[in-house]
Amino acid sequence: MSQHSKPNFKNIVLTNTLITLVVFGLLFPLNAMAIDCYGADMVDYGIYETDFHKWKNAPNTDEGKIELVGKRQLLRLTEYIPGGAGTQFGIRYVLNGDEEGKQVDILVKVVHSATVNRQEMSHVNEWVTKKKIGGTDFDGWKFKSESELNRGNWIIQLYHEGMMLAEKSFYVY
């Protein structure tokens, strides 16, 4: 006569729990669930006066570098920007996240229309910069010469890990 062993309830529960955890971990990895920066609050925007701090390499821009600024002062709160050499416009913002003071990578995109061979095309300059959650920061654009001036809509966008945090549109005239 053969004797059949009864299934051990504890082993079944333990096995099912482990399988569930493995499947859940594969579908939703912990690093994908942890969002360290989830938004940005606009402080102000418009025309600024800044002072030069230093250059930083930025290969996805027209010049291959960006100008980091020290002091920044809002001259006029506006969405309408008079085009001209030396004009600088942008946004000041505060990043939102759970860990205040933590440095995160922010992708800044400046999108505008450009005329190439008499056709309107969208043009993007972008760079990655480190910013602190909870701190007030600035990003913007400065026209260095009349030749780079493109009248029309200019948009500044902020991204973190593929998620858009903020966007502000300006009209350059």
N, C-alpha and C. Protein backbone atom coordinates (compact mmCIF):
# COMPACT_ATOMS: atom_id res chain seq x y z
N MET A 1 0.82 -1.16 0.00
CA MET A 1 0.00 0.00 0.00
C MET A 1 0.88 1.25 0.00
N SER A 2 0.61 2.17 -0.88
CA SER A 2 1.42 3.38 -0.95
C SER A 2 0.81 4.46 -0.08
N GLN A 3 1.71 5.24 0.43
CA GLN A 3 1.25 6.31 1.31
C GLN A 3 1.50 7.64 0.61
N HIS A 4 0.45 8.39 0.47
CA HIS A 4 0.56 9.71 -0.16
C HIS A 4 0.77 10.75 0.93
N SER A 5 1.74 11.64 0.68
CA SER A 5 1.97 12.70 1.66
C SER A 5 1.06 13.87 1.35
N LYS A 6 0.57 14.49 2.40
CA LYS A 6 -0.28 15.65 2.23
C LYS A 6 0.59 16.86 1.90
N PRO A 7 0.10 17.74 1.06
CA PRO A 7 0.86 18.95 0.78
C PRO A 7 0.99 19.80 2.06
N ASN A 8 2.17 20.37 2.23
CA ASN A 8 2.43 21.20 3.39
C ASN A 8 1.93 22.61 3.09
N PHE A 9 0.94 23.06 3.87
CA PHE A 9 0.31 24.37 3.63
C PHE A 9 1.33 25.50 3.70
N LYS A 10 2.26 25.44 4.64
CA LYS A 10 3.28 26.50 4.78
C LYS A 10 4.16 26.58 3.53
N ASN A 11 4.53 25.43 2.99
CA ASN A 11 5.38 25.42 1.79
C ASN A 11 4.63 25.99 0.58
N ILE A 12 3.35 25.68 0.48
CA ILE A 12 2.56 26.20 -0.64
C ILE A 12 2.45 27.72 -0.55
N VAL A 13 2.15 28.25 0.62
CA VAL A 13 2.03 29.69 0.81
C VAL A 13 3.37 30.37 0.54
N LEU A 14 4.45 29.80 1.06
CA LEU A 14 5.77 30.37 0.85
C LEU A 14 6.15 30.38 -0.63
N THR A 15 5.89 29.29 -1.32
CA THR A 15 6.20 29.19 -2.75
C THR A 15 5.38 30.20 -3.55
N ASN A 16 4.08 30.28 -3.28
CA ASN A 16 3.23 31.24 -4.00
C ASN A 16 3.65 32.68 -3.72
N THR A 17 4.03 32.98 -2.50
CA THR A 17 4.48 34.33 -2.15
C THR A 17 5.76 34.67 -2.90
N LEU A 18 6.70 33.76 -2.94
CA LEU A 18 7.95 34.00 -3.66
C LEU A 18 7.71 34.20 -5.15
N ILE A 19 6.84 33.39 -5.74
CA ILE A 19 6.53 33.53 -7.17
C ILE A 19 5.90 34.89 -7.43
N THR A 20 4.97 35.30 -6.57
CA THR A 20 4.32 36.60 -6.72
C THR A 20 5.33 37.74 -6.63
N LEU A 21 6.24 37.66 -5.66
CA LEU A 21 7.24 38.71 -5.50
C LEU A 21 8.18 38.79 -6.71
N VAL A 22 8.58 37.64 -7.24
CA VAL A 22 9.46 37.61 -8.40
C VAL A 22 8.76 38.22 -9.61
N VAL A 23 7.51 37.82 -9.86
CA VAL A 23 6.76 38.35 -10.99
C VAL A 23 6.55 39.85 -10.83
N PHE A 24 6.15 40.30 -9.63
CA PHE A 24 5.95 41.72 -9.37
C PHE A 24 7.25 42.49 -9.57
N GLY A 25 8.36 41.93 -9.11
CA GLY A 25 9.67 42.59 -9.27
C GLY A 25 10.09 42.72 -10.72
N LEU A 26 9.75 41.72 -11.52
CA LEU A 26 10.07 41.78 -12.95
C LEU A 26 9.20 42.79 -13.68
N LEU A 27 7.93 42.87 -13.29
CA LEU A 27 7.03 43.80 -13.96
C LEU A 27 7.22 45.23 -13.50
N PHE A 28 7.55 45.42 -12.23
CA PHE A 28 7.68 46.76 -11.66
C PHE A 28 8.96 46.87 -10.85
N PRO A 29 10.10 47.05 -11.52
CA PRO A 29 11.36 47.16 -10.79
C PRO A 29 11.32 48.34 -9.81
N LEU A 30 12.03 48.21 -8.70
CA LEU A 30 12.03 49.25 -7.67
C LEU A 30 12.53 50.59 -8.19
N ASN A 31 13.55 50.56 -9.05
CA ASN A 31 14.07 51.84 -9.53
C ASN A 31 13.06 52.57 -10.41
N ALA A 32 12.14 51.84 -11.05
CA ALA A 32 11.12 52.50 -11.86
C ALA A 32 10.02 53.08 -10.98
N MET A 33 9.85 52.52 -9.78
CA MET A 33 8.81 52.99 -8.89
C MET A 33 9.27 54.20 -8.08
N ALA A 34 10.56 54.37 -7.91
CA ALA A 34 11.08 55.48 -7.11
C ALA A 34 11.29 56.70 -8.00
N ILE A 35 10.46 57.70 -7.82
CA ILE A 35 10.59 58.94 -8.58
C ILE A 35 11.12 59.99 -7.63
N ASP A 36 12.34 60.46 -7.88
CA ASP A 36 12.94 61.41 -6.94
C ASP A 36 12.57 62.86 -7.24
N CYS A 37 12.12 63.15 -8.45
CA CYS A 37 11.71 64.51 -8.82
C CYS A 37 10.45 64.38 -9.66
N TYR A 38 9.36 64.97 -9.21
CA TYR A 38 8.09 64.73 -9.87
C TYR A 38 7.37 65.99 -10.35
N GLY A 39 8.02 67.14 -10.31
CA GLY A 39 7.38 68.34 -10.82
C GLY A 39 8.23 69.57 -10.59
N ALA A 40 7.74 70.69 -11.09
CA ALA A 40 8.43 71.97 -10.90
C ALA A 40 7.38 73.07 -10.79
N ASP A 41 7.58 73.97 -9.85
CA ASP A 41 6.70 75.13 -9.69
C ASP A 41 7.40 76.35 -10.29
N MET A 42 6.69 77.06 -11.15
CA MET A 42 7.24 78.25 -11.78
C MET A 42 7.25 79.39 -10.75
N VAL A 43 8.40 80.01 -10.58
CA VAL A 43 8.53 81.16 -9.68
C VAL A 43 8.22 82.43 -10.47
N ASP A 44 8.92 82.61 -11.58
CA ASP A 44 8.66 83.72 -12.49
C ASP A 44 9.28 83.41 -13.84
N TYR A 45 9.04 84.28 -14.80
CA TYR A 45 9.52 84.10 -16.17
C TYR A 45 9.55 85.44 -16.85
N GLY A 46 10.35 85.54 -17.89
CA GLY A 46 10.39 86.78 -18.65
C GLY A 46 11.79 87.16 -19.06
N ILE A 47 12.05 88.47 -19.05
CA ILE A 47 13.35 89.02 -19.46
C ILE A 47 14.22 89.17 -18.21
N TYR A 48 15.45 88.68 -18.31
CA TYR A 48 16.38 88.69 -17.18
C TYR A 48 17.66 89.43 -17.53
N GLU A 49 18.33 89.86 -16.48
CA GLU A 49 19.70 90.32 -16.59
C GLU A 49 20.53 89.34 -15.77
N THR A 50 21.61 88.84 -16.34
CA THR A 50 22.45 87.87 -15.64
C THR A 50 23.91 88.29 -15.76
N ASP A 51 24.74 87.66 -14.95
CA ASP A 51 26.18 87.85 -15.14
C ASP A 51 26.81 86.49 -15.41
N PHE A 52 27.85 86.53 -16.22
CA PHE A 52 28.55 85.32 -16.67
C PHE A 52 29.27 84.65 -15.51
N HIS A 53 29.14 83.32 -15.44
CA HIS A 53 29.88 82.55 -14.43
C HIS A 53 30.97 81.70 -15.10
N LYS A 54 30.55 80.81 -16.01
CA LYS A 54 31.52 79.99 -16.75
C LYS A 54 30.81 79.27 -17.90
N TRP A 55 31.61 78.70 -18.78
CA TRP A 55 31.08 77.92 -19.90
C TRP A 55 30.98 76.46 -19.50
N LYS A 56 29.99 75.76 -20.05
CA LYS A 56 29.83 74.32 -19.84
C LYS A 56 29.58 73.68 -21.21
N ASN A 57 30.25 72.56 -21.48
CA ASN A 57 30.04 71.84 -22.73
C ASN A 57 28.59 71.37 -22.82
N ALA A 58 28.00 71.56 -23.98
CA ALA A 58 26.63 71.12 -24.25
C ALA A 58 26.55 70.78 -25.73
N PRO A 59 26.92 69.54 -26.09
CA PRO A 59 27.04 69.16 -27.50
C PRO A 59 25.74 69.25 -28.30
N ASN A 60 24.58 69.23 -27.66
CA ASN A 60 23.31 69.28 -28.40
C ASN A 60 22.76 70.70 -28.52
N THR A 61 23.67 71.67 -28.52
CA THR A 61 23.30 73.06 -28.76
C THR A 61 24.04 73.56 -30.00
N ASP A 62 23.57 74.66 -30.54
CA ASP A 62 24.18 75.20 -31.77
C ASP A 62 25.66 75.52 -31.58
N GLU A 63 26.03 76.05 -30.42
CA GLU A 63 27.43 76.44 -30.17
C GLU A 63 28.25 75.34 -29.51
N GLY A 64 27.60 74.26 -29.06
CA GLY A 64 28.32 73.18 -28.39
C GLY A 64 28.66 73.48 -26.95
N LYS A 65 28.13 74.59 -26.43
CA LYS A 65 28.36 74.97 -25.04
C LYS A 65 27.24 75.89 -24.59
N ILE A 66 27.08 75.98 -23.28
CA ILE A 66 26.11 76.91 -22.71
C ILE A 66 26.82 77.80 -21.71
N GLU A 67 26.24 78.95 -21.50
CA GLU A 67 26.78 79.91 -20.54
C GLU A 67 26.09 79.72 -19.20
N LEU A 68 26.84 79.34 -18.18
CA LEU A 68 26.28 79.26 -16.84
C LEU A 68 26.33 80.65 -16.23
N VAL A 69 25.24 81.03 -15.57
CA VAL A 69 25.16 82.38 -15.03
C VAL A 69 25.24 82.35 -13.51
N GLY A 70 25.72 83.45 -12.98
CA GLY A 70 25.76 83.61 -11.53
C GLY A 70 24.50 84.33 -11.10
N LYS A 71 24.60 85.62 -10.93
CA LYS A 71 23.46 86.44 -10.53
C LYS A 71 22.44 86.48 -11.66
N ARG A 72 21.17 86.43 -11.30
CA ARG A 72 20.10 86.58 -12.27
C ARG A 72 19.01 87.46 -11.66
N GLN A 73 18.57 88.42 -12.44
CA GLN A 73 17.54 89.34 -11.95
C GLN A 73 16.46 89.49 -13.00
N LEU A 74 15.22 89.30 -12.58
CA LEU A 74 14.09 89.49 -13.47
C LEU A 74 13.91 90.97 -13.75
N LEU A 75 13.95 91.35 -15.02
CA LEU A 75 13.73 92.74 -15.40
C LEU A 75 12.26 93.01 -15.70
N ARG A 76 11.61 92.02 -16.36
CA ARG A 76 10.20 92.20 -16.71
C ARG A 76 9.51 90.85 -16.79
N LEU A 77 8.42 90.70 -16.06
CA LEU A 77 7.59 89.50 -16.11
C LEU A 77 6.76 89.58 -17.39
N THR A 78 7.08 88.71 -18.35
CA THR A 78 6.41 88.78 -19.64
C THR A 78 6.63 87.49 -20.43
N GLU A 79 5.71 87.25 -21.36
CA GLU A 79 5.85 86.15 -22.32
C GLU A 79 6.28 86.68 -23.68
N TYR A 80 6.32 88.00 -23.83
CA TYR A 80 6.67 88.64 -25.10
C TYR A 80 8.08 89.21 -25.00
N ILE A 81 8.96 88.70 -25.85
CA ILE A 81 10.38 89.01 -25.77
C ILE A 81 10.82 89.80 -27.00
N PRO A 82 11.34 91.02 -26.81
CA PRO A 82 11.86 91.75 -27.96
C PRO A 82 13.19 91.13 -28.39
N GLY A 83 13.27 90.73 -29.64
CA GLY A 83 14.49 90.10 -30.14
C GLY A 83 15.60 91.11 -30.31
N GLY A 84 16.80 90.72 -29.98
CA GLY A 84 17.95 91.58 -30.16
C GLY A 84 19.16 90.98 -29.48
N ALA A 85 20.33 91.30 -30.00
CA ALA A 85 21.57 90.79 -29.40
C ALA A 85 21.63 91.21 -27.93
N GLY A 86 21.95 90.25 -27.07
CA GLY A 86 22.08 90.51 -25.64
C GLY A 86 20.81 90.27 -24.85
N THR A 87 19.67 90.12 -25.52
CA THR A 87 18.42 89.86 -24.80
C THR A 87 18.44 88.45 -24.23
N GLN A 88 18.07 88.33 -22.95
CA GLN A 88 18.02 87.03 -22.30
C GLN A 88 16.66 86.84 -21.66
N PHE A 89 16.07 85.68 -21.90
CA PHE A 89 14.77 85.36 -21.30
C PHE A 89 14.83 83.96 -20.72
N GLY A 90 13.92 83.68 -19.81
CA GLY A 90 13.93 82.35 -19.22
C GLY A 90 12.91 82.19 -18.12
N ILE A 91 13.14 81.15 -17.31
CA ILE A 91 12.23 80.80 -16.23
C ILE A 91 13.02 80.55 -14.95
N ARG A 92 12.43 80.93 -13.83
CA ARG A 92 12.93 80.52 -12.52
C ARG A 92 11.91 79.57 -11.95
N TYR A 93 12.39 78.51 -11.31
CA TYR A 93 11.49 77.45 -10.86
C TYR A 93 12.08 76.74 -9.64
N VAL A 94 11.22 75.99 -8.97
CA VAL A 94 11.62 75.15 -7.84
C VAL A 94 11.22 73.72 -8.18
N LEU A 95 12.17 72.79 -8.09
CA LEU A 95 11.89 71.38 -8.34
C LEU A 95 11.20 70.76 -7.13
N ASN A 96 10.21 69.92 -7.39
CA ASN A 96 9.49 69.21 -6.33
C ASN A 96 9.97 67.77 -6.26
N GLY A 97 10.16 67.29 -5.04
CA GLY A 97 10.57 65.91 -4.83
C GLY A 97 10.53 65.60 -3.35
N ASP A 98 10.71 64.33 -3.03
CA ASP A 98 10.62 63.89 -1.64
C ASP A 98 11.87 64.20 -0.83
N GLU A 99 13.02 64.30 -1.49
CA GLU A 99 14.28 64.45 -0.78
C GLU A 99 14.89 65.83 -1.07
N GLU A 100 14.48 66.83 -0.29
CA GLU A 100 14.96 68.19 -0.50
C GLU A 100 16.49 68.24 -0.43
N GLY A 101 17.08 68.97 -1.37
CA GLY A 101 18.53 69.10 -1.43
C GLY A 101 19.21 68.07 -2.31
N LYS A 102 18.50 67.02 -2.69
CA LYS A 102 19.08 65.98 -3.55
C LYS A 102 19.31 66.54 -4.95
N GLN A 103 20.50 66.29 -5.51
CA GLN A 103 20.81 66.73 -6.87
C GLN A 103 20.25 65.74 -7.88
N VAL A 104 19.61 66.28 -8.91
CA VAL A 104 19.05 65.44 -9.97
C VAL A 104 19.45 66.02 -11.32
N ASP A 105 19.47 65.18 -12.33
CA ASP A 105 19.75 65.63 -13.70
C ASP A 105 18.46 66.16 -14.32
N ILE A 106 18.55 67.34 -14.89
CA ILE A 106 17.41 67.95 -15.58
C ILE A 106 17.82 68.18 -17.03
N LEU A 107 16.99 67.71 -17.94
CA LEU A 107 17.18 67.96 -19.37
C LEU A 107 16.40 69.23 -19.70
N VAL A 108 17.12 70.23 -20.18
CA VAL A 108 16.51 71.50 -20.58
C VAL A 108 16.44 71.51 -22.10
N LYS A 109 15.25 71.77 -22.63
CA LYS A 109 15.07 71.88 -24.08
C LYS A 109 14.55 73.28 -24.40
N VAL A 110 15.17 73.91 -25.39
CA VAL A 110 14.68 75.18 -25.91
C VAL A 110 14.28 74.91 -27.36
N VAL A 111 12.98 75.00 -27.61
CA VAL A 111 12.41 74.66 -28.91
C VAL A 111 11.91 75.94 -29.58
N HIS A 112 12.27 76.10 -30.84
CA HIS A 112 11.78 77.26 -31.59
C HIS A 112 11.72 76.93 -33.07
N SER A 113 11.03 77.76 -33.81
CA SER A 113 10.97 77.55 -35.25
C SER A 113 12.18 78.19 -35.90
N ALA A 114 12.60 77.61 -36.98
CA ALA A 114 13.74 78.14 -37.73
C ALA A 114 13.42 78.04 -39.21
N THR A 115 13.88 78.99 -39.97
CA THR A 115 13.67 78.96 -41.41
C THR A 115 14.92 78.40 -42.07
N VAL A 116 14.75 77.28 -42.75
CA VAL A 116 15.85 76.63 -43.47
C VAL A 116 15.39 76.45 -44.91
N ASN A 117 16.11 77.06 -45.84
CA ASN A 117 15.75 77.01 -47.26
C ASN A 117 14.29 77.43 -47.47
N ARG A 118 13.91 78.49 -46.81
CA ARG A 118 12.57 79.08 -46.91
C ARG A 118 11.47 78.18 -46.36
N GLN A 119 11.81 77.21 -45.55
CA GLN A 119 10.80 76.34 -44.93
C GLN A 119 10.91 76.44 -43.42
N GLU A 120 9.74 76.53 -42.78
CA GLU A 120 9.70 76.58 -41.31
C GLU A 120 9.93 75.17 -40.76
N MET A 121 10.88 75.09 -39.84
CA MET A 121 11.18 73.81 -39.20
C MET A 121 11.32 74.04 -37.71
N SER A 122 11.06 73.02 -36.94
CA SER A 122 11.27 73.10 -35.50
C SER A 122 12.74 72.83 -35.21
N HIS A 123 13.31 73.62 -34.31
CA HIS A 123 14.72 73.48 -33.97
C HIS A 123 14.82 73.34 -32.45
N VAL A 124 15.68 72.42 -31.98
CA VAL A 124 15.81 72.16 -30.55
C VAL A 124 17.27 72.28 -30.13
N ASN A 125 17.50 73.04 -29.07
CA ASN A 125 18.78 73.05 -28.36
C ASN A 125 18.50 72.40 -27.02
N GLU A 126 19.36 71.50 -26.57
CA GLU A 126 19.12 70.84 -25.29
C GLU A 126 20.42 70.56 -24.57
N TRP A 127 20.33 70.51 -23.26
CA TRP A 127 21.48 70.20 -22.42
C TRP A 127 21.00 69.62 -21.10
N VAL A 128 21.88 68.89 -20.45
CA VAL A 128 21.59 68.30 -19.13
C VAL A 128 22.34 69.10 -18.09
N THR A 129 21.66 69.41 -17.01
CA THR A 129 22.26 70.18 -15.93
C THR A 129 21.83 69.58 -14.59
N LYS A 130 22.64 69.75 -13.59
CA LYS A 130 22.32 69.25 -12.25
C LYS A 130 21.64 70.36 -11.46
N LYS A 131 20.52 70.02 -10.83
CA LYS A 131 19.75 70.96 -10.01
C LYS A 131 19.38 70.27 -8.70
N LYS A 132 19.12 71.08 -7.67
CA LYS A 132 18.75 70.54 -6.36
C LYS A 132 17.24 70.65 -6.16
N ILE A 133 16.66 69.56 -5.65
CA ILE A 133 15.25 69.57 -5.31
C ILE A 133 15.03 70.58 -4.18
N GLY A 134 14.03 71.42 -4.35
CA GLY A 134 13.69 72.42 -3.35
C GLY A 134 14.39 73.75 -3.51
N GLY A 135 15.41 73.81 -4.37
CA GLY A 135 16.13 75.06 -4.59
C GLY A 135 15.54 75.84 -5.75
N THR A 136 15.71 77.15 -5.73
CA THR A 136 15.25 77.98 -6.85
C THR A 136 16.34 78.02 -7.90
N ASP A 137 15.97 77.65 -9.14
CA ASP A 137 16.92 77.58 -10.24
C ASP A 137 16.43 78.39 -11.43
N PHE A 138 17.33 78.58 -12.38
CA PHE A 138 17.04 79.36 -13.58
C PHE A 138 17.58 78.63 -14.80
N ASP A 139 16.79 78.66 -15.87
CA ASP A 139 17.27 78.25 -17.19
C ASP A 139 16.64 79.16 -18.21
N GLY A 140 17.39 79.46 -19.26
CA GLY A 140 16.88 80.36 -20.26
C GLY A 140 17.74 80.39 -21.51
N TRP A 141 17.57 81.45 -22.28
CA TRP A 141 18.26 81.60 -23.56
C TRP A 141 18.70 83.04 -23.72
N LYS A 142 19.88 83.22 -24.28
CA LYS A 142 20.40 84.56 -24.53
C LYS A 142 20.77 84.68 -26.01
N PHE A 143 20.25 85.72 -26.65
CA PHE A 143 20.60 85.98 -28.04
C PHE A 143 21.95 86.68 -28.06
N LYS A 144 22.94 86.04 -28.66
CA LYS A 144 24.29 86.61 -28.71
C LYS A 144 24.48 87.52 -29.91
N SER A 145 23.70 87.27 -30.97
CA SER A 145 23.81 88.11 -32.17
C SER A 145 22.47 88.12 -32.90
N GLU A 146 22.31 89.08 -33.78
CA GLU A 146 21.08 89.18 -34.58
C GLU A 146 20.90 87.97 -35.49
N SER A 147 22.00 87.34 -35.90
CA SER A 147 21.92 86.23 -36.84
C SER A 147 21.24 85.00 -36.24
N GLU A 148 21.29 84.82 -34.93
CA GLU A 148 20.65 83.65 -34.33
C GLU A 148 19.20 83.91 -33.95
N LEU A 149 18.76 85.12 -34.15
CA LEU A 149 17.41 85.52 -33.76
C LEU A 149 16.38 84.95 -34.72
N ASN A 150 15.44 84.18 -34.19
CA ASN A 150 14.31 83.65 -34.96
C ASN A 150 13.04 84.14 -34.28
N ARG A 151 12.31 84.97 -34.98
CA ARG A 151 11.08 85.50 -34.41
C ARG A 151 10.01 84.40 -34.42
N GLY A 152 9.15 84.42 -33.42
CA GLY A 152 8.09 83.43 -33.31
C GLY A 152 8.08 82.79 -31.93
N ASN A 153 7.50 81.61 -31.86
CA ASN A 153 7.36 80.92 -30.58
C ASN A 153 8.65 80.23 -30.15
N TRP A 154 9.00 80.42 -28.90
CA TRP A 154 10.13 79.75 -28.26
C TRP A 154 9.57 79.08 -27.00
N ILE A 155 9.94 77.84 -26.78
CA ILE A 155 9.42 77.08 -25.64
C ILE A 155 10.58 76.53 -24.83
N ILE A 156 10.52 76.74 -23.52
CA ILE A 156 11.51 76.15 -22.61
C ILE A 156 10.83 75.01 -21.88
N GLN A 157 11.44 73.83 -21.97
CA GLN A 157 10.89 72.63 -21.33
C GLN A 157 11.92 72.03 -20.38
N LEU A 158 11.44 71.49 -19.26
CA LEU A 158 12.28 70.80 -18.28
C LEU A 158 11.82 69.36 -18.16
N TYR A 159 12.79 68.43 -18.22
CA TYR A 159 12.50 67.00 -18.12
C TYR A 159 13.39 66.36 -17.06
N HIS A 160 12.84 65.33 -16.42
CA HIS A 160 13.64 64.48 -15.54
C HIS A 160 13.25 63.04 -15.82
N GLU A 161 14.23 62.24 -16.22
CA GLU A 161 14.03 60.82 -16.54
C GLU A 161 12.85 60.61 -17.49
N GLY A 162 12.80 61.45 -18.53
CA GLY A 162 11.78 61.31 -19.57
C GLY A 162 10.44 61.96 -19.26
N MET A 163 10.24 62.44 -18.05
CA MET A 163 8.97 63.05 -17.67
C MET A 163 9.09 64.58 -17.73
N MET A 164 8.14 65.22 -18.44
CA MET A 164 8.16 66.68 -18.50
C MET A 164 7.71 67.24 -17.15
N LEU A 165 8.55 68.13 -16.61
CA LEU A 165 8.26 68.75 -15.32
C LEU A 165 7.62 70.12 -15.48
N ALA A 166 8.02 70.86 -16.51
CA ALA A 166 7.50 72.20 -16.72
C ALA A 166 7.71 72.61 -18.16
N GLU A 167 6.89 73.55 -18.61
CA GLU A 167 6.99 74.09 -19.96
C GLU A 167 6.49 75.53 -19.93
N LYS A 168 7.21 76.40 -20.60
CA LYS A 168 6.79 77.81 -20.69
C LYS A 168 7.03 78.30 -22.11
N SER A 169 6.01 78.92 -22.71
CA SER A 169 6.10 79.45 -24.07
C SER A 169 6.34 80.95 -24.04
N PHE A 170 7.14 81.41 -24.98
CA PHE A 170 7.41 82.83 -25.17
C PHE A 170 7.20 83.16 -26.64
N TYR A 171 6.92 84.42 -26.91
CA TYR A 171 6.85 84.89 -28.28
C TYR A 171 7.92 85.95 -28.48
N VAL A 172 8.87 85.64 -29.38
CA VAL A 172 9.95 86.57 -29.68
C VAL A 172 9.54 87.40 -30.89
N TYR A 173 9.60 88.73 -30.75
CA TYR A 173 9.20 89.62 -31.85
C TYR A 173 10.31 90.55 -32.25
